[in-house]
Amino acid sequence: MKLLVEGPTSKKVIDVAVASLDDLRIKIENTFSIASSFRLEYWEADFAEYVELDDLSSINDKAKIKVIVSETNTITNPWCFDVHIRNKSEWVSKGFEHTPYRSLLLQDSHSVYFPQEMEKVRYLLNQFHNGTNLKISKAYAIDNHRLSQDFESYLLRLANKHRSAPQVFQSTSWQQESNVTWRQWVLDHLLGIYSKCSWNQGTLTPVVTMLQGTSEDVVWQICQNGFAVVAARDDGWYGRGIYFTSYSNYALIYSLPNASGEKVLTINYVVPGACYPVIENPKDPQNSLIGKPCQKGYQSHYVRVFSNESQSFGLPATEGTAKSYDEFVSFQESQALIKYIIFVKD
C-alpha cells in the first residue's frame, strides 16, 4: 500500500509491504533517517484528527501518517538504541499481535556477535553495578516500542509536574520526620548514583540504571508486558511496588537459576522522581512500610540494607554502615524500561 508520511522535516509518499507495526516503523525510520525515538499518528477521518497508531490494521491504502519525535529524546539518551543496532536484521520478533517486542542476541557461550553493544553492557555493569567479575554466558538487547513510549511519556509528564508544581511532586517532608541525618545518609547514596550518570546533567528528572534478579520464565514476560507482571507478587518490605537494586551481587540473590544453572539479571533504566529515603524497619509493626503504597508526594522509595549474612540481612542499614546494598522501589510500571538481559554463570 501507499502511505503519505509527514516526517520531521518533509512529506513523502512511500510504498510499503509490511507485516507489523515494527516493520513500518523501521521503514519510516530509514526513509527519513530518524535517529531519535518517535511515535506514529494516523488521520482518523471519523474524528477529523490525528490519533496514535498502535495497530497496523487501523490504516489502509493512501492513509496519512505523521511522525512525532519525542521531545525528551536525543541520540545521547542511553535508553535508546543507536540506529546501526536498531536496524540489524538479526533482531527476532516475539510476543503477540498487541504486545510485540524484539530481542537481539549479543553474546552466547560461543561468540560475541555485537562487540560494540556488549561494551555498553559491560560499561553499565562495571561503572554502576559492581559487576566487573560477572561471568556472562548470554546477553540480549530488548526493544519494546510500546514500553519505550510509556517510559518516555512518564518521564515527560513527571518533568512537567515537577516544573509546574514542585511543592506537590517534589516533596521533602522527610526532613520533618525522625532521624533526619540517617535519612540524608540514605538519600546521599542515591544522589551519588545520579551524579555518576553523565546524561543527568541539567535535568529535572534524573534517570538511572538499576538491576533486577528474576527467573528465565518471568524475564520474557517482562519483555512483553513490562514490570507489572512482578509488581503484585508480594507485599514487599519497603512498599508494594517493583523492586530493583544497583548491586549485581544483591540482584543475583533474587534470581532463580535455570536448568543450566544460569541466573538472570535485567539491566533497566529507571525514573526515581522524588524519592523517599527509607529507614523504617519492616519488623517494627508501628512503622513498617510492608504492603503500603508510595509515600504521599513521592514517586519512589530508596533504602540502604545490611549486606552481611546475619539476622539483619536485608534490613535497613544504620547510618554510617561501611558496607551495604540498596533497594529501590518504583510504583508505576512505566517508571522502568528493560534494555538488556544477561545470563550469569557462577
C-alpha atoms as a PDB file:
ATOM      1  CA  MET A   1       0.000   0.000   0.000  1.00  0.00           C
ATOM      2  CA  LYS A   2       0.953   3.635  -0.418  1.00  0.00           C
ATOM      3  CA  LEU A   3       1.156   5.978   2.558  1.00  0.00           C
ATOM      4  CA  LEU A   4       1.558   9.747   2.777  1.00  0.00           C
ATOM      5  CA  VAL A   5       4.034  10.187   5.615  1.00  0.00           C
ATOM      6  CA  GLU A   6       4.769  13.537   7.234  1.00  0.00           C
ATOM      7  CA  GLY A   7       8.291  13.188   8.598  1.00  0.00           C
ATOM      8  CA  PRO A   8      10.205  15.543  10.911  1.00  0.00           C
ATOM      9  CA  THR A   9      11.229  17.850   8.044  1.00  0.00           C
ATOM     10  CA  SER A  10       9.358  16.732   4.901  1.00  0.00           C
ATOM     11  CA  LYS A  11       6.434  14.762   3.477  1.00  0.00           C
ATOM     12  CA  LYS A  12       6.846  11.691   1.275  1.00  0.00           C
ATOM     13  CA  VAL A  13       4.657   9.090  -0.376  1.00  0.00           C
ATOM     14  CA  ILE A  14       6.150   5.688   0.350  1.00  0.00           C
ATOM     15  CA  ASP A  15       5.275   2.193  -0.838  1.00  0.00           C
ATOM     16  CA  VAL A  16       5.153  -0.292   2.000  1.00  0.00           C
ATOM     17  CA  ALA A  17       4.613  -4.021   2.234  1.00  0.00           C
ATOM     18  CA  VAL A  18       4.998  -4.721   5.918  1.00  0.00           C
ATOM     19  CA  ALA A  19       3.663  -7.373   8.271  1.00  0.00           C
ATOM     20  CA  SER A  20       3.819  -5.485  11.547  1.00  0.00           C
ATOM     21  CA  LEU A  21       3.878  -2.037  13.083  1.00  0.00           C
ATOM     22  CA  ASP A  22       7.547  -2.520  13.986  1.00  0.00           C
ATOM     23  CA  ASP A  23       8.325  -3.186  10.309  1.00  0.00           C
ATOM     24  CA  LEU A  24       6.532   0.030   9.348  1.00  0.00           C
ATOM     25  CA  ARG A  25       8.481   1.982  11.951  1.00  0.00           C
ATOM     26  CA  ILE A  26      11.780   0.641  10.567  1.00  0.00           C
ATOM     27  CA  LYS A  27      10.729   1.551   7.018  1.00  0.00           C
ATOM     28  CA  ILE A  28       9.851   5.116   8.077  1.00  0.00           C
ATOM     29  CA  GLU A  29      12.965   5.413  10.241  1.00  0.00           C
ATOM     30  CA  ASN A  30      15.182   4.524   7.271  1.00  0.00           C
ATOM     31  CA  THR A  31      13.254   6.665   4.785  1.00  0.00           C
ATOM     32  CA  PHE A  32      13.583   9.830   6.879  1.00  0.00           C
ATOM     33  CA  SER A  33      16.924   8.963   8.569  1.00  0.00           C
ATOM     34  CA  ILE A  34      15.383   9.403  12.021  1.00  0.00           C
ATOM     35  CA  ALA A  35      17.942   8.972  14.791  1.00  0.00           C
ATOM     36  CA  SER A  36      15.617   9.732  17.711  1.00  0.00           C
ATOM     37  CA  SER A  37      12.770   7.883  19.345  1.00  0.00           C
ATOM     38  CA  PHE A  38       9.384   8.612  17.762  1.00  0.00           C
ATOM     39  CA  ARG A  39       5.754   7.586  17.638  1.00  0.00           C
ATOM     40  CA  LEU A  40       3.271   7.440  14.762  1.00  0.00           C
ATOM     41  CA  GLU A  41      -0.153   9.009  14.374  1.00  0.00           C
ATOM     42  CA  TYR A  42      -2.666   8.432  11.566  1.00  0.00           C
ATOM     43  CA  TRP A  43      -5.503  10.563  10.223  1.00  0.00           C
ATOM     44  CA  GLU A  44      -8.803   9.287  11.616  1.00  0.00           C
ATOM     45  CA  ALA A  45     -11.444  10.546   9.186  1.00  0.00           C
ATOM     46  CA  ASP A  46     -14.409   9.854  11.502  1.00  0.00           C
ATOM     47  CA  PHE A  47     -12.989  12.245  14.097  1.00  0.00           C
ATOM     48  CA  ALA A  48     -11.146  14.531  11.655  1.00  0.00           C
ATOM     49  CA  GLU A  49      -7.899  14.456  13.643  1.00  0.00           C
ATOM     50  CA  TYR A  50      -4.659  12.535  14.084  1.00  0.00           C
ATOM     51  CA  VAL A  51      -4.672   9.749  16.668  1.00  0.00           C
ATOM     52  CA  GLU A  52      -1.950   7.427  17.843  1.00  0.00           C
ATOM     53  CA  LEU A  53      -1.212   4.442  15.617  1.00  0.00           C
ATOM     54  CA  ASP A  54      -0.883   1.344  17.784  1.00  0.00           C
ATOM     55  CA  ASP A  55      -2.199  -1.306  15.388  1.00  0.00           C
ATOM     56  CA  LEU A  56      -1.365  -1.783  11.701  1.00  0.00           C
ATOM     57  CA  SER A  57      -4.976  -2.801  10.990  1.00  0.00           C
ATOM     58  CA  SER A  58      -6.061   0.793  11.730  1.00  0.00           C
ATOM     59  CA  ILE A  59      -4.690   2.038   8.397  1.00  0.00           C
ATOM     60  CA  ASN A  60      -5.210   1.165   4.748  1.00  0.00           C
ATOM     61  CA  ASP A  61      -4.002   2.256   1.315  1.00  0.00           C
ATOM     62  CA  LYS A  62      -3.410   6.017   0.948  1.00  0.00           C
ATOM     63  CA  ALA A  63      -3.559   6.616   4.691  1.00  0.00           C
ATOM     64  CA  LYS A  64      -1.910   9.738   6.104  1.00  0.00           C
ATOM     65  CA  ILE A  65       0.774   9.163   8.765  1.00  0.00           C
ATOM     66  CA  LYS A  66       2.511  11.718  10.959  1.00  0.00           C
ATOM     67  CA  VAL A  67       5.869  11.135  12.719  1.00  0.00           C
ATOM     68  CA  ILE A  68       6.079  12.613  16.231  1.00  0.00           C
ATOM     69  CA  VAL A  69       9.648  12.766  17.527  1.00  0.00           C
ATOM     70  CA  SER A  70       9.916  12.532  21.325  1.00  0.00           C
ATOM     71  CA  GLU A  71      10.734  15.870  22.957  1.00  0.00           C
ATOM     72  CA  THR A  72      12.783  14.155  25.675  1.00  0.00           C
ATOM     73  CA  ASN A  73      14.883  12.151  23.336  1.00  0.00           C
ATOM     74  CA  THR A  74      18.156  12.945  21.686  1.00  0.00           C
ATOM     75  CA  ILE A  75      20.625  10.497  20.239  1.00  0.00           C
ATOM     76  CA  THR A  76      22.538  10.643  23.530  1.00  0.00           C
ATOM     77  CA  ASN A  77      19.682   9.237  25.612  1.00  0.00           C
ATOM     78  CA  PRO A  78      21.114   5.920  26.774  1.00  0.00           C
ATOM     79  CA  TRP A  79      17.819   4.028  26.820  1.00  0.00           C
ATOM     80  CA  CYS A  80      17.567   4.455  23.026  1.00  0.00           C
ATOM     81  CA  PHE A  81      19.453   2.084  20.756  1.00  0.00           C
ATOM     82  CA  ASP A  82      21.702   3.577  18.105  1.00  0.00           C
ATOM     83  CA  VAL A  83      20.382   3.409  14.552  1.00  0.00           C
ATOM     84  CA  HIS A  84      23.013   0.871  13.472  1.00  0.00           C
ATOM     85  CA  ILE A  85      21.758  -1.521  16.171  1.00  0.00           C
ATOM     86  CA  ARG A  86      18.035  -0.856  15.717  1.00  0.00           C
ATOM     87  CA  ASN A  87      18.259  -1.721  12.021  1.00  0.00           C
ATOM     88  CA  LYS A  88      20.127  -5.020  12.374  1.00  0.00           C
ATOM     89  CA  SER A  89      18.422  -7.913  10.577  1.00  0.00           C
ATOM     90  CA  GLU A  90      19.279 -10.290  13.428  1.00  0.00           C
ATOM     91  CA  TRP A  91      16.528  -8.923  15.685  1.00  0.00           C
ATOM     92  CA  VAL A  92      13.958 -11.637  16.458  1.00  0.00           C
ATOM     93  CA  SER A  93      10.310 -10.584  16.706  1.00  0.00           C
ATOM     94  CA  LYS A  94       8.490 -12.087  19.686  1.00  0.00           C
ATOM     95  CA  GLY A  95       5.332 -11.631  21.724  1.00  0.00           C
ATOM     96  CA  PHE A  96       1.809 -11.388  20.351  1.00  0.00           C
ATOM     97  CA  GLU A  97      -0.015  -9.043  17.988  1.00  0.00           C
ATOM     98  CA  HIS A  98      -0.860  -6.458  20.651  1.00  0.00           C
ATOM     99  CA  THR A  99       2.239  -6.978  22.821  1.00  0.00           C
ATOM    100  CA  PRO A 100       5.153  -7.352  20.379  1.00  0.00           C
ATOM    101  CA  TYR A 101       8.814  -6.907  21.206  1.00  0.00           C
ATOM    102  CA  ARG A 102      12.185  -7.784  19.702  1.00  0.00           C
ATOM    103  CA  SER A 103      15.282  -9.427  21.128  1.00  0.00           C
ATOM    104  CA  LEU A 104      18.828  -9.362  19.777  1.00  0.00           C
ATOM    105  CA  LEU A 105      21.357 -11.963  20.896  1.00  0.00           C
ATOM    106  CA  LEU A 106      24.518 -10.028  21.691  1.00  0.00           C
ATOM    107  CA  GLN A 107      26.616 -12.848  23.112  1.00  0.00           C
ATOM    108  CA  ASP A 108      26.407 -16.532  23.944  1.00  0.00           C
ATOM    109  CA  SER A 109      28.899 -19.121  25.159  1.00  0.00           C
ATOM    110  CA  HIS A 110      30.316 -19.459  21.632  1.00  0.00           C
ATOM    111  CA  SER A 111      30.807 -15.889  20.471  1.00  0.00           C
ATOM    112  CA  VAL A 112      30.239 -12.155  20.929  1.00  0.00           C
ATOM    113  CA  TYR A 113      28.073 -11.138  17.966  1.00  0.00           C
ATOM    114  CA  PHE A 114      27.835  -7.405  18.601  1.00  0.00           C
ATOM    115  CA  PRO A 115      31.017  -6.291  20.393  1.00  0.00           C
ATOM    116  CA  GLN A 116      30.145  -2.587  20.487  1.00  0.00           C
ATOM    117  CA  GLU A 117      26.813  -3.202  22.212  1.00  0.00           C
ATOM    118  CA  MET A 118      28.408  -5.690  24.617  1.00  0.00           C
ATOM    119  CA  GLU A 119      30.908  -2.977  25.544  1.00  0.00           C
ATOM    120  CA  LYS A 120      27.943  -0.856  26.631  1.00  0.00           C
ATOM    121  CA  VAL A 121      26.578  -3.720  28.715  1.00  0.00           C
ATOM    122  CA  ARG A 122      29.941  -4.213  30.382  1.00  0.00           C
ATOM    123  CA  TYR A 123      30.316  -0.490  30.946  1.00  0.00           C
ATOM    124  CA  LEU A 124      26.975  -0.287  32.746  1.00  0.00           C
ATOM    125  CA  LEU A 125      27.759  -3.313  34.900  1.00  0.00           C
ATOM    126  CA  ASN A 126      31.264  -2.151  35.772  1.00  0.00           C
ATOM    127  CA  GLN A 127      30.526   1.543  36.245  1.00  0.00           C
ATOM    128  CA  PHE A 128      27.249   1.366  38.148  1.00  0.00           C
ATOM    129  CA  HIS A 129      26.684  -2.152  39.456  1.00  0.00           C
ATOM    130  CA  ASN A 130      29.936  -3.639  40.780  1.00  0.00           C
ATOM    131  CA  GLY A 131      29.718  -6.226  38.023  1.00  0.00           C
ATOM    132  CA  THR A 132      33.339  -6.441  36.889  1.00  0.00           C
ATOM    133  CA  ASN A 133      33.655 -10.129  37.775  1.00  0.00           C
ATOM    134  CA  LEU A 134      30.333 -11.347  36.414  1.00  0.00           C
ATOM    135  CA  LYS A 135      30.705 -14.323  34.078  1.00  0.00           C
ATOM    136  CA  ILE A 136      28.185 -13.598  31.341  1.00  0.00           C
ATOM    137  CA  SER A 137      27.140 -16.658  29.365  1.00  0.00           C
ATOM    138  CA  LYS A 138      24.422 -14.965  27.277  1.00  0.00           C
ATOM    139  CA  ALA A 139      23.217 -11.416  26.737  1.00  0.00           C
ATOM    140  CA  TYR A 140      20.256  -9.965  24.864  1.00  0.00           C
ATOM    141  CA  ALA A 141      19.191  -6.467  23.888  1.00  0.00           C
ATOM    142  CA  ILE A 142      15.445  -5.865  24.235  1.00  0.00           C
ATOM    143  CA  ASP A 143      13.366  -3.473  22.142  1.00  0.00           C
ATOM    144  CA  ASN A 144       9.707  -2.981  23.045  1.00  0.00           C
ATOM    145  CA  HIS A 145       8.313   0.078  21.305  1.00  0.00           C
ATOM    146  CA  ARG A 146       5.184   0.325  23.454  1.00  0.00           C
ATOM    147  CA  LEU A 147       7.125   0.124  26.723  1.00  0.00           C
ATOM    148  CA  SER A 148       9.660   2.661  25.426  1.00  0.00           C
ATOM    149  CA  GLN A 149       6.860   5.086  24.586  1.00  0.00           C
ATOM    150  CA  ASP A 150       5.280   4.605  28.011  1.00  0.00           C
ATOM    151  CA  PHE A 151       8.649   5.230  29.688  1.00  0.00           C
ATOM    152  CA  GLU A 152       9.329   8.434  27.773  1.00  0.00           C
ATOM    153  CA  SER A 153       5.762   9.658  28.278  1.00  0.00           C
ATOM    154  CA  TYR A 154       6.109   9.122  32.025  1.00  0.00           C
ATOM    155  CA  LEU A 155       9.419  10.989  32.008  1.00  0.00           C
ATOM    156  CA  LEU A 156       7.840  13.919  30.166  1.00  0.00           C
ATOM    157  CA  ARG A 157       4.764  14.072  32.403  1.00  0.00           C
ATOM    158  CA  LEU A 158       6.860  13.923  35.553  1.00  0.00           C
ATOM    159  CA  ALA A 159       9.199  16.654  34.331  1.00  0.00           C
ATOM    160  CA  ASN A 160       6.202  18.876  33.575  1.00  0.00           C
ATOM    161  CA  LYS A 161       4.717  18.202  37.021  1.00  0.00           C
ATOM    162  CA  HIS A 162       7.990  18.936  38.767  1.00  0.00           C
ATOM    163  CA  ARG A 163       8.272  22.158  36.805  1.00  0.00           C
ATOM    164  CA  SER A 164       4.701  23.356  37.350  1.00  0.00           C
ATOM    165  CA  ALA A 165       4.056  22.194  40.940  1.00  0.00           C
ATOM    166  CA  PRO A 166       7.331  21.293  42.673  1.00  0.00           C
ATOM    167  CA  GLN A 167       5.758  21.657  46.124  1.00  0.00           C
ATOM    168  CA  VAL A 168       3.373  18.790  45.246  1.00  0.00           C
ATOM    169  CA  PHE A 169       5.565  16.446  43.233  1.00  0.00           C
ATOM    170  CA  GLN A 170       8.979  17.060  44.815  1.00  0.00           C
ATOM    171  CA  SER A 171       8.181  16.551  48.468  1.00  0.00           C
ATOM    172  CA  THR A 172      10.861  16.988  51.123  1.00  0.00           C
ATOM    173  CA  SER A 173       8.564  16.068  54.009  1.00  0.00           C
ATOM    174  CA  TRP A 174      11.118  13.510  55.197  1.00  0.00           C
ATOM    175  CA  GLN A 175      13.115  16.447  56.583  1.00  0.00           C
ATOM    176  CA  GLN A 176      10.403  16.894  59.230  1.00  0.00           C
ATOM    177  CA  GLU A 177      10.490  13.251  60.270  1.00  0.00           C
ATOM    178  CA  SER A 178      12.655  11.452  62.810  1.00  0.00           C
ATOM    179  CA  ASN A 179      16.340  10.601  62.222  1.00  0.00           C
ATOM    180  CA  VAL A 180      16.900  13.266  59.574  1.00  0.00           C
ATOM    181  CA  THR A 181      20.673  12.712  59.353  1.00  0.00           C
ATOM    182  CA  TRP A 182      20.117   8.974  58.854  1.00  0.00           C
ATOM    183  CA  ARG A 183      17.632   9.632  56.047  1.00  0.00           C
ATOM    184  CA  GLN A 184      20.027  12.160  54.495  1.00  0.00           C
ATOM    185  CA  TRP A 185      22.762   9.497  54.559  1.00  0.00           C
ATOM    186  CA  VAL A 186      20.425   7.162  52.649  1.00  0.00           C
ATOM    187  CA  LEU A 187      19.468   9.827  50.113  1.00  0.00           C
ATOM    188  CA  ASP A 188      23.088  10.884  49.591  1.00  0.00           C
ATOM    189  CA  HIS A 189      23.851   7.409  48.256  1.00  0.00           C
ATOM    190  CA  LEU A 190      21.106   7.775  45.654  1.00  0.00           C
ATOM    191  CA  LEU A 191      22.277  11.277  44.729  1.00  0.00           C
ATOM    192  CA  GLY A 192      25.735   9.771  44.225  1.00  0.00           C
ATOM    193  CA  ILE A 193      24.242   7.381  41.669  1.00  0.00           C
ATOM    194  CA  TYR A 194      22.571  10.312  39.889  1.00  0.00           C
ATOM    195  CA  SER A 195      25.874  12.178  39.639  1.00  0.00           C
ATOM    196  CA  LYS A 196      27.677   9.213  38.083  1.00  0.00           C
ATOM    197  CA  CYS A 197      25.238   9.235  35.146  1.00  0.00           C
ATOM    198  CA  SER A 198      26.519  11.884  32.742  1.00  0.00           C
ATOM    199  CA  TRP A 199      23.184  12.031  30.889  1.00  0.00           C
ATOM    200  CA  ASN A 200      21.541  13.553  34.002  1.00  0.00           C
ATOM    201  CA  GLN A 201      23.336  16.870  33.775  1.00  0.00           C
ATOM    202  CA  GLY A 202      20.858  19.747  33.789  1.00  0.00           C
ATOM    203  CA  THR A 203      17.720  17.608  34.044  1.00  0.00           C
ATOM    204  CA  LEU A 204      14.820  17.936  36.476  1.00  0.00           C
ATOM    205  CA  THR A 205      14.094  14.202  36.356  1.00  0.00           C
ATOM    206  CA  PRO A 206      17.217  12.015  36.593  1.00  0.00           C
ATOM    207  CA  VAL A 207      17.302   8.570  35.023  1.00  0.00           C
ATOM    208  CA  VAL A 208      19.455   5.804  36.493  1.00  0.00           C
ATOM    209  CA  THR A 209      20.256   2.199  35.694  1.00  0.00           C
ATOM    210  CA  MET A 210      19.090  -0.480  38.109  1.00  0.00           C
ATOM    211  CA  LEU A 211      19.176  -4.266  38.108  1.00  0.00           C
ATOM    212  CA  GLN A 212      16.555  -6.864  38.856  1.00  0.00           C
ATOM    213  CA  GLY A 213      17.170 -10.526  39.553  1.00  0.00           C
ATOM    214  CA  THR A 214      14.462 -12.803  38.190  1.00  0.00           C
ATOM    215  CA  SER A 215      13.851 -16.186  36.537  1.00  0.00           C
ATOM    216  CA  GLU A 216      14.164 -17.134  32.887  1.00  0.00           C
ATOM    217  CA  ASP A 217      10.402 -17.674  32.584  1.00  0.00           C
ATOM    218  CA  VAL A 218       9.483 -14.330  34.132  1.00  0.00           C
ATOM    219  CA  VAL A 219      12.073 -12.277  32.256  1.00  0.00           C
ATOM    220  CA  TRP A 220      10.428 -12.913  28.883  1.00  0.00           C
ATOM    221  CA  GLN A 221       7.068 -11.911  30.356  1.00  0.00           C
ATOM    222  CA  ILE A 222       8.675  -8.625  31.473  1.00  0.00           C
ATOM    223  CA  CYS A 223       9.991  -8.060  27.940  1.00  0.00           C
ATOM    224  CA  GLN A 224       6.494  -8.471  26.552  1.00  0.00           C
ATOM    225  CA  ASN A 225       4.302  -6.817  29.178  1.00  0.00           C
ATOM    226  CA  GLY A 226       6.589  -4.742  31.385  1.00  0.00           C
ATOM    227  CA  PHE A 227       7.215  -4.897  35.113  1.00  0.00           C
ATOM    228  CA  ALA A 228       3.527  -5.117  36.014  1.00  0.00           C
ATOM    229  CA  VAL A 229       3.964  -8.902  35.908  1.00  0.00           C
ATOM    230  CA  VAL A 230       6.204  -8.762  39.003  1.00  0.00           C
ATOM    231  CA  ALA A 231       4.609  -5.836  40.842  1.00  0.00           C
ATOM    232  CA  ALA A 232       1.951  -7.836  42.664  1.00  0.00           C
ATOM    233  CA  ARG A 233       3.874 -10.963  43.612  1.00  0.00           C
ATOM    234  CA  ASP A 234       4.345  -9.971  47.258  1.00  0.00           C
ATOM    235  CA  ASP A 235       3.738  -7.057  49.592  1.00  0.00           C
ATOM    236  CA  GLY A 236       7.398  -6.013  49.781  1.00  0.00           C
ATOM    237  CA  TRP A 237       9.235  -4.896  52.921  1.00  0.00           C
ATOM    238  CA  TYR A 238       9.584  -1.303  51.756  1.00  0.00           C
ATOM    239  CA  GLY A 239       6.306  -0.798  49.924  1.00  0.00           C
ATOM    240  CA  ARG A 240       4.110  -2.676  47.481  1.00  0.00           C
ATOM    241  CA  GLY A 241       5.970  -1.902  44.289  1.00  0.00           C
ATOM    242  CA  ILE A 242       8.585  -3.057  41.806  1.00  0.00           C
ATOM    243  CA  TYR A 243      11.994  -3.735  43.339  1.00  0.00           C
ATOM    244  CA  PHE A 244      15.432  -3.039  41.883  1.00  0.00           C
ATOM    245  CA  THR A 245      18.972  -2.688  43.183  1.00  0.00           C
ATOM    246  CA  SER A 246      22.178  -1.099  41.965  1.00  0.00           C
ATOM    247  CA  TYR A 247      24.281  -4.055  43.223  1.00  0.00           C
ATOM    248  CA  SER A 248      24.740  -7.074  40.960  1.00  0.00           C
ATOM    249  CA  ASN A 249      25.624  -9.419  43.840  1.00  0.00           C
ATOM    250  CA  TYR A 250      22.423  -8.476  45.639  1.00  0.00           C
ATOM    251  CA  ALA A 251      20.313  -8.851  42.486  1.00  0.00           C
ATOM    252  CA  LEU A 252      21.701 -12.358  41.942  1.00  0.00           C
ATOM    253  CA  ILE A 253      20.309 -13.431  45.317  1.00  0.00           C
ATOM    254  CA  TYR A 254      16.809 -12.876  43.946  1.00  0.00           C
ATOM    255  CA  SER A 255      17.430 -14.703  40.659  1.00  0.00           C
ATOM    256  CA  LEU A 256      16.340 -18.315  40.296  1.00  0.00           C
ATOM    257  CA  PRO A 257      18.804 -20.482  38.306  1.00  0.00           C
ATOM    258  CA  ASN A 258      17.563 -22.122  35.128  1.00  0.00           C
ATOM    259  CA  ALA A 259      18.158 -25.739  34.107  1.00  0.00           C
ATOM    260  CA  SER A 260      21.715 -24.849  33.043  1.00  0.00           C
ATOM    261  CA  GLY A 261      22.493 -23.213  36.387  1.00  0.00           C
ATOM    262  CA  GLU A 262      22.436 -19.700  34.939  1.00  0.00           C
ATOM    263  CA  LYS A 263      20.972 -16.798  36.870  1.00  0.00           C
ATOM    264  CA  VAL A 264      19.126 -13.999  35.086  1.00  0.00           C
ATOM    265  CA  LEU A 265      19.532 -10.248  35.570  1.00  0.00           C
ATOM    266  CA  THR A 266      17.830  -7.401  33.758  1.00  0.00           C
ATOM    267  CA  ILE A 267      19.530  -4.059  33.173  1.00  0.00           C
ATOM    268  CA  ASN A 268      16.906  -1.338  33.275  1.00  0.00           C
ATOM    269  CA  TYR A 269      16.557   2.421  33.026  1.00  0.00           C
ATOM    270  CA  VAL A 270      14.509   3.845  35.899  1.00  0.00           C
ATOM    271  CA  VAL A 271      12.998   7.253  36.711  1.00  0.00           C
ATOM    272  CA  PRO A 272      13.117   7.765  40.509  1.00  0.00           C
ATOM    273  CA  GLY A 273      11.343  11.121  40.599  1.00  0.00           C
ATOM    274  CA  ALA A 274      11.021  12.420  44.157  1.00  0.00           C
ATOM    275  CA  CYS A 275      12.394   9.576  46.239  1.00  0.00           C
ATOM    276  CA  TYR A 276      11.537   8.877  49.879  1.00  0.00           C
ATOM    277  CA  PRO A 277      14.609   7.825  51.930  1.00  0.00           C
ATOM    278  CA  VAL A 278      13.502   4.775  53.904  1.00  0.00           C
ATOM    279  CA  ILE A 279      14.789   3.802  57.352  1.00  0.00           C
ATOM    280  CA  GLU A 280      11.562   2.145  58.575  1.00  0.00           C
ATOM    281  CA  ASN A 281      12.193  -1.393  59.813  1.00  0.00           C
ATOM    282  CA  PRO A 282       9.728  -3.894  58.305  1.00  0.00           C
ATOM    283  CA  LYS A 283       9.801  -5.856  61.568  1.00  0.00           C
ATOM    284  CA  ASP A 284       8.503  -2.861  63.516  1.00  0.00           C
ATOM    285  CA  PRO A 285       4.689  -3.016  63.254  1.00  0.00           C
ATOM    286  CA  GLN A 286       4.386   0.641  64.267  1.00  0.00           C
ATOM    287  CA  ASN A 287       6.448   1.987  61.362  1.00  0.00           C
ATOM    288  CA  SER A 288       6.616  -0.804  58.795  1.00  0.00           C
ATOM    289  CA  LEU A 289       6.024   0.019  55.115  1.00  0.00           C
ATOM    290  CA  ILE A 290       5.168  -3.606  54.241  1.00  0.00           C
ATOM    291  CA  GLY A 291       2.488  -3.684  51.555  1.00  0.00           C
ATOM    292  CA  LYS A 292       1.970   0.084  51.668  1.00  0.00           C
ATOM    293  CA  PRO A 293       1.697   2.428  48.647  1.00  0.00           C
ATOM    294  CA  CYS A 294       4.250   5.076  47.840  1.00  0.00           C
ATOM    295  CA  GLN A 295       4.620   7.799  50.442  1.00  0.00           C
ATOM    296  CA  LYS A 296       2.474  10.841  49.593  1.00  0.00           C
ATOM    297  CA  GLY A 297       4.310  13.419  47.493  1.00  0.00           C
ATOM    298  CA  TYR A 298       6.925  10.925  46.279  1.00  0.00           C
ATOM    299  CA  GLN A 299       7.266   8.613  43.285  1.00  0.00           C
ATOM    300  CA  SER A 300       9.658   6.007  44.722  1.00  0.00           C
ATOM    301  CA  HIS A 301      11.350   4.638  47.859  1.00  0.00           C
ATOM    302  CA  TYR A 302      15.066   4.023  48.415  1.00  0.00           C
ATOM    303  CA  VAL A 303      16.706   2.144  51.285  1.00  0.00           C
ATOM    304  CA  ARG A 304      20.210   1.017  52.221  1.00  0.00           C
ATOM    305  CA  VAL A 305      20.209  -2.541  53.599  1.00  0.00           C
ATOM    306  CA  PHE A 306      22.688  -4.622  55.567  1.00  0.00           C
ATOM    307  CA  SER A 307      24.814  -6.828  53.327  1.00  0.00           C
ATOM    308  CA  ASN A 308      26.119  -9.272  55.927  1.00  0.00           C
ATOM    309  CA  GLU A 309      24.648 -12.725  56.334  1.00  0.00           C
ATOM    310  CA  SER A 310      23.385 -12.121  59.875  1.00  0.00           C
ATOM    311  CA  GLN A 311      19.779 -11.865  61.003  1.00  0.00           C
ATOM    312  CA  SER A 312      19.899  -8.213  59.909  1.00  0.00           C
ATOM    313  CA  PHE A 313      20.450  -9.092  56.235  1.00  0.00           C
ATOM    314  CA  GLY A 314      18.107  -7.031  54.046  1.00  0.00           C
ATOM    315  CA  LEU A 315      17.015  -4.781  56.912  1.00  0.00           C
ATOM    316  CA  PRO A 316      17.725  -1.022  56.857  1.00  0.00           C
ATOM    317  CA  ALA A 317      21.430  -0.339  57.326  1.00  0.00           C
ATOM    318  CA  THR A 318      22.186   2.134  60.083  1.00  0.00           C
ATOM    319  CA  GLU A 319      23.778   5.468  59.311  1.00  0.00           C
ATOM    320  CA  GLY A 320      27.473   5.162  58.506  1.00  0.00           C
ATOM    321  CA  THR A 321      27.429   1.406  57.782  1.00  0.00           C
ATOM    322  CA  ALA A 322      30.586   0.752  55.754  1.00  0.00           C
ATOM    323  CA  LYS A 323      29.220  -1.997  53.505  1.00  0.00           C
ATOM    324  CA  SER A 324      25.604  -2.151  52.452  1.00  0.00           C
ATOM    325  CA  TYR A 325      23.386  -2.946  49.482  1.00  0.00           C
ATOM    326  CA  ASP A 326      20.361  -0.967  48.344  1.00  0.00           C
ATOM    327  CA  GLU A 327      16.783  -1.480  47.273  1.00  0.00           C
ATOM    328  CA  PHE A 328      14.887   0.883  45.011  1.00  0.00           C
ATOM    329  CA  VAL A 329      11.102   0.644  44.809  1.00  0.00           C
ATOM    330  CA  SER A 330       9.082   2.113  41.939  1.00  0.00           C
ATOM    331  CA  PHE A 331       5.295   2.206  41.988  1.00  0.00           C
ATOM    332  CA  GLN A 332       4.411   2.791  38.332  1.00  0.00           C
ATOM    333  CA  GLU A 333       5.145   0.228  35.640  1.00  0.00           C
ATOM    334  CA  SER A 334       6.218   2.949  33.204  1.00  0.00           C
ATOM    335  CA  GLN A 335       8.915   4.197  35.613  1.00  0.00           C
ATOM    336  CA  ALA A 336      11.225   1.422  34.411  1.00  0.00           C
ATOM    337  CA  LEU A 337      12.301   0.213  30.983  1.00  0.00           C
ATOM    338  CA  ILE A 338      14.103  -3.075  30.414  1.00  0.00           C
ATOM    339  CA  LYS A 339      17.012  -2.766  27.994  1.00  0.00           C
ATOM    340  CA  TYR A 340      19.265  -5.809  28.428  1.00  0.00           C
ATOM    341  CA  ILE A 341      19.036  -9.342  29.796  1.00  0.00           C
ATOM    342  CA  ILE A 342      22.163 -11.116  30.965  1.00  0.00           C
ATOM    343  CA  PHE A 343      22.580 -14.762  31.963  1.00  0.00           C
ATOM    344  CA  VAL A 344      25.273 -15.281  34.564  1.00  0.00           C
ATOM    345  CA  LYS A 345      27.217 -18.417  35.480  1.00  0.00           C
ATOM    346  CA  ASP A 346      28.585 -18.765  38.993  1.00  0.00           C
END
